Amino acid sequence: MKSKAEQTTEFIIEKVAPVFNKKGYTATSLSDLEEATGLTKGAIYGNFESKEDLAVKAFQYNFKKVNQWLYDFMIKGKNPTEKLFLMTEFYRNYYDFMVDFGGCPIINVTIDAKNINPTLYALGCYEAKKMEGKLTKIIQMGIDSKEFREDLNAEQTAKVLYTMIDGSILMAFSHLDKTYLDSMMDFVDNYIRERIIQPVI
């Protein structure tokens, strides 16, 4: 059973995570944190070393939540081809369930923290690379199983797909227009069919 202190820490992270994701590290004030939690400054920072420590844990919470959604969606795929198409299906719905949450945690934290918080920026880049790496593994599995073209470079292909998806996420949330994601996922689906899947002879 979790201690009262552990429960309080988890409560604070859960309440402030969407605030940091929406407003960013710098723009999130102490009053924002107090309003989100209903706690005083002393109660909040009594559980964390600093604002940066809280922001890091909030980002980790946000990323884990979104990453778990994606994992739960893609795990249903029986093979690499199905997993790629499940990925695009996931991102077709990404805007709707992330708009109230403030957008993509990785994009938000890397843009917000790049020049002001090296720790947060490095963490965002690290998690982005991990996601890209997982996509590389799926593509390599498809190459090895002869589902995908044998002349593909798995790492390069993953970068292309990841860039197209992340770019459309940035545009969708910047302009509050989910059609950027819809259009890009149509394009990615065609790219998978025409440039990735091994053609049937």
Protein backbone atom coordinates (compact mmCIF):
# COMPACT_ATOMS: atom_id res chain seq x y z
CA MET A 1 0.00 0.00 0.00
CA LYS A 2 1.30 3.44 -0.96
CA SER A 3 2.17 5.91 1.76
CA LYS A 4 0.33 9.19 2.14
CA ALA A 5 3.40 11.03 0.81
CA GLU A 6 3.52 8.81 -2.29
CA GLN A 7 -0.19 9.34 -2.89
CA THR A 8 0.24 13.10 -2.56
CA THR A 9 3.17 13.08 -4.99
CA GLU A 10 1.15 11.14 -7.57
CA PHE A 11 -1.84 13.45 -7.08
CA ILE A 12 0.28 16.54 -7.69
CA ILE A 13 1.90 15.11 -10.83
CA GLU A 14 -1.46 14.03 -12.24
CA LYS A 15 -2.98 17.47 -11.68
CA VAL A 16 -0.08 19.61 -12.92
CA ALA A 17 0.94 17.45 -15.91
CA PRO A 18 -1.73 18.88 -18.26
CA VAL A 19 -0.86 22.42 -17.08
CA PHE A 20 2.83 22.05 -17.95
CA ASN A 21 1.89 20.45 -21.27
CA LYS A 22 -0.41 23.33 -22.23
CA LYS A 23 1.54 26.31 -20.90
CA GLY A 24 5.14 25.12 -20.98
CA TYR A 25 7.84 25.13 -18.33
CA THR A 26 8.48 28.89 -18.23
CA ALA A 27 4.88 30.08 -18.51
CA THR A 28 3.57 27.75 -15.80
CA SER A 29 3.48 29.80 -12.61
CA LEU A 30 3.23 28.81 -8.98
CA SER A 31 -0.34 30.10 -8.92
CA ASP A 32 -1.14 27.78 -11.84
CA LEU A 33 0.20 24.84 -9.84
CA GLU A 34 -1.68 25.90 -6.70
CA GLU A 35 -4.91 26.29 -8.67
CA ALA A 36 -4.52 22.88 -10.36
CA THR A 37 -3.82 21.03 -7.11
CA GLY A 38 -5.63 23.09 -4.51
CA LEU A 39 -2.42 22.95 -2.47
CA THR A 40 -0.06 25.60 -1.14
CA LYS A 41 3.47 26.24 -2.39
CA GLY A 42 4.90 24.47 0.64
CA ALA A 43 2.73 21.41 0.12
CA ILE A 44 3.68 21.20 -3.56
CA TYR A 45 7.42 21.75 -3.26
CA GLY A 46 7.63 19.69 -0.11
CA ASN A 47 7.29 16.68 -2.41
CA PHE A 48 9.75 17.79 -5.13
CA GLU A 49 13.25 19.20 -5.21
CA SER A 50 12.36 22.13 -7.46
CA LYS A 51 10.05 23.36 -10.20
CA GLU A 52 12.31 21.62 -12.72
CA ASP A 53 12.01 18.32 -10.84
CA LEU A 54 8.23 18.64 -10.91
CA ALA A 55 8.25 19.58 -14.61
CA VAL A 56 10.42 16.56 -15.46
CA LYS A 57 8.10 14.19 -13.61
CA ALA A 58 5.07 15.85 -15.23
CA PHE A 59 6.57 15.35 -18.70
CA GLN A 60 7.37 11.71 -17.89
CA TYR A 61 3.77 11.23 -16.77
CA ASN A 62 2.42 12.87 -19.95
CA PHE A 63 4.70 10.90 -22.25
CA LYS A 64 4.00 7.58 -20.52
CA LYS A 65 0.27 8.15 -20.86
CA VAL A 66 0.40 8.89 -24.59
CA ASN A 67 2.99 6.18 -25.28
CA GLN A 68 0.81 3.60 -23.52
CA TRP A 69 -2.17 4.57 -25.67
CA LEU A 70 -0.09 4.08 -28.80
CA TYR A 71 1.36 0.78 -27.56
CA ASP A 72 -2.08 -0.58 -26.64
CA PHE A 73 -3.30 0.34 -30.12
CA MET A 74 -0.40 -1.09 -32.11
CA ILE A 75 -0.03 -4.30 -30.09
CA LYS A 76 -3.19 -5.52 -31.80
CA GLY A 77 -1.25 -5.81 -35.06
CA LYS A 78 -0.36 -9.40 -35.93
CA ASN A 79 2.51 -8.42 -38.22
CA PRO A 80 4.62 -5.35 -39.14
CA THR A 81 2.24 -4.30 -41.92
CA GLU A 82 -0.76 -4.29 -39.61
CA LYS A 83 1.23 -2.40 -36.97
CA LEU A 84 2.08 0.40 -39.41
CA PHE A 85 -1.53 0.81 -40.49
CA LEU A 86 -2.67 0.74 -36.87
CA MET A 87 -0.14 3.50 -36.20
CA THR A 88 -1.71 5.76 -38.83
CA GLU A 89 -5.19 4.91 -37.53
CA PHE A 90 -4.05 5.96 -34.06
CA TYR A 91 -2.79 9.31 -35.32
CA ARG A 92 -6.00 9.97 -37.23
CA ASN A 93 -7.67 10.17 -33.83
CA TYR A 94 -4.73 11.81 -32.05
CA TYR A 95 -6.01 15.37 -32.34
CA ASP A 96 -9.41 14.60 -30.82
CA PHE A 97 -8.15 13.00 -27.64
CA MET A 98 -5.12 15.29 -27.22
CA VAL A 99 -6.56 18.73 -27.95
CA ASP A 100 -7.87 19.25 -24.39
CA PHE A 101 -4.63 17.81 -23.05
CA GLY A 102 -2.66 20.54 -24.80
CA GLY A 103 -1.10 18.66 -27.71
CA CYS A 104 1.85 16.31 -28.10
CA PRO A 105 4.09 16.23 -24.98
CA ILE A 106 7.30 15.56 -26.92
CA ILE A 107 6.78 18.38 -29.42
CA ASN A 108 5.66 20.77 -26.69
CA VAL A 109 8.57 20.13 -24.34
CA THR A 110 11.31 20.13 -26.98
CA ILE A 111 10.10 23.42 -28.48
CA ASP A 112 9.45 25.07 -25.11
CA ALA A 113 12.58 23.90 -23.32
CA LYS A 114 15.21 23.94 -26.07
CA ASN A 115 16.88 27.22 -25.12
CA ILE A 116 15.84 27.49 -21.48
CA ASN A 117 15.90 24.06 -19.85
CA PRO A 118 18.56 21.63 -21.11
CA THR A 119 17.33 18.83 -18.83
CA LEU A 120 13.78 18.87 -20.13
CA TYR A 121 14.94 19.36 -23.72
CA ALA A 122 17.32 16.38 -23.52
CA LEU A 123 14.60 14.22 -21.99
CA GLY A 124 12.16 15.13 -24.78
CA CYS A 125 14.76 14.33 -27.45
CA TYR A 126 15.60 11.04 -25.73
CA GLU A 127 11.98 9.87 -25.69
CA ALA A 128 11.51 10.93 -29.32
CA LYS A 129 14.53 8.88 -30.34
CA LYS A 130 13.19 5.89 -28.43
CA MET A 131 9.91 6.10 -30.34
CA GLU A 132 11.79 6.39 -33.62
CA GLY A 133 13.87 3.38 -32.60
CA LYS A 134 10.76 1.28 -31.94
CA LEU A 135 9.47 2.18 -35.39
CA THR A 136 12.83 1.18 -36.87
CA LYS A 137 12.52 -2.24 -35.23
CA ILE A 138 9.04 -2.78 -36.70
CA ILE A 139 10.28 -1.89 -40.17
CA GLN A 140 13.32 -4.15 -39.80
CA MET A 141 11.01 -6.99 -38.75
CA GLY A 142 9.01 -6.41 -41.92
CA ILE A 143 12.17 -6.52 -44.04
CA ASP A 144 13.36 -9.71 -42.34
CA SER A 145 9.98 -11.41 -42.81
CA LYS A 146 9.86 -10.40 -46.51
CA GLU A 147 6.73 -8.29 -45.94
CA PHE A 148 8.65 -5.13 -46.76
CA ARG A 149 11.03 -4.33 -49.61
CA GLU A 150 14.45 -5.84 -49.04
CA ASP A 151 16.24 -2.71 -50.26
CA LEU A 152 14.73 -0.54 -47.50
CA ASN A 153 16.93 1.09 -44.92
CA ALA A 154 14.90 0.57 -41.74
CA GLU A 155 16.41 3.49 -39.83
CA GLN A 156 16.05 5.94 -42.71
CA THR A 157 12.47 4.82 -43.42
CA ALA A 158 11.54 5.22 -39.76
CA LYS A 159 12.93 8.77 -39.79
CA VAL A 160 10.86 9.62 -42.85
CA LEU A 161 7.63 8.26 -41.33
CA TYR A 162 8.30 9.80 -37.92
CA THR A 163 9.06 13.19 -39.46
CA MET A 164 5.89 13.17 -41.56
CA ILE A 165 3.77 12.24 -38.56
CA ASP A 166 5.38 14.71 -36.16
CA GLY A 167 5.20 17.50 -38.73
CA SER A 168 1.48 16.97 -39.23
CA ILE A 169 0.94 16.90 -35.45
CA LEU A 170 2.75 20.24 -35.14
CA MET A 171 0.65 21.79 -37.89
CA ALA A 172 -2.63 20.38 -36.57
CA PHE A 173 -2.13 21.75 -33.07
CA SER A 174 -0.60 25.03 -34.26
CA HIS A 175 -3.62 25.77 -36.48
CA LEU A 176 -6.20 23.85 -34.42
CA ASP A 177 -7.08 21.90 -37.55
CA LYS A 178 -7.12 18.11 -37.47
CA THR A 179 -7.27 17.87 -41.28
CA TYR A 180 -3.48 18.23 -41.32
CA LEU A 181 -3.31 14.86 -39.57
CA ASP A 182 -6.06 13.31 -41.70
CA SER A 183 -4.35 14.34 -44.93
CA MET A 184 -0.92 13.20 -43.80
CA MET A 185 -2.18 9.82 -42.61
CA ASP A 186 -3.73 9.29 -46.07
CA PHE A 187 -0.35 10.13 -47.56
CA VAL A 188 1.51 7.84 -45.14
CA ASP A 189 -0.88 4.97 -45.86
CA ASN A 190 -0.16 5.33 -49.57
CA TYR A 191 3.57 5.62 -48.85
CA ILE A 192 3.44 2.34 -46.91
CA ARG A 193 1.61 0.58 -49.74
CA GLU A 194 3.76 1.96 -52.54
CA ARG A 195 7.22 2.37 -50.98
CA ILE A 196 7.42 -0.05 -48.05
CA ILE A 197 5.32 -3.18 -48.60
CA GLN A 198 6.88 -5.78 -50.87
CA PRO A 199 4.92 -5.78 -54.14
CA VAL A 200 3.16 -8.98 -55.09
CA ILE A 201 4.55 -10.34 -58.34
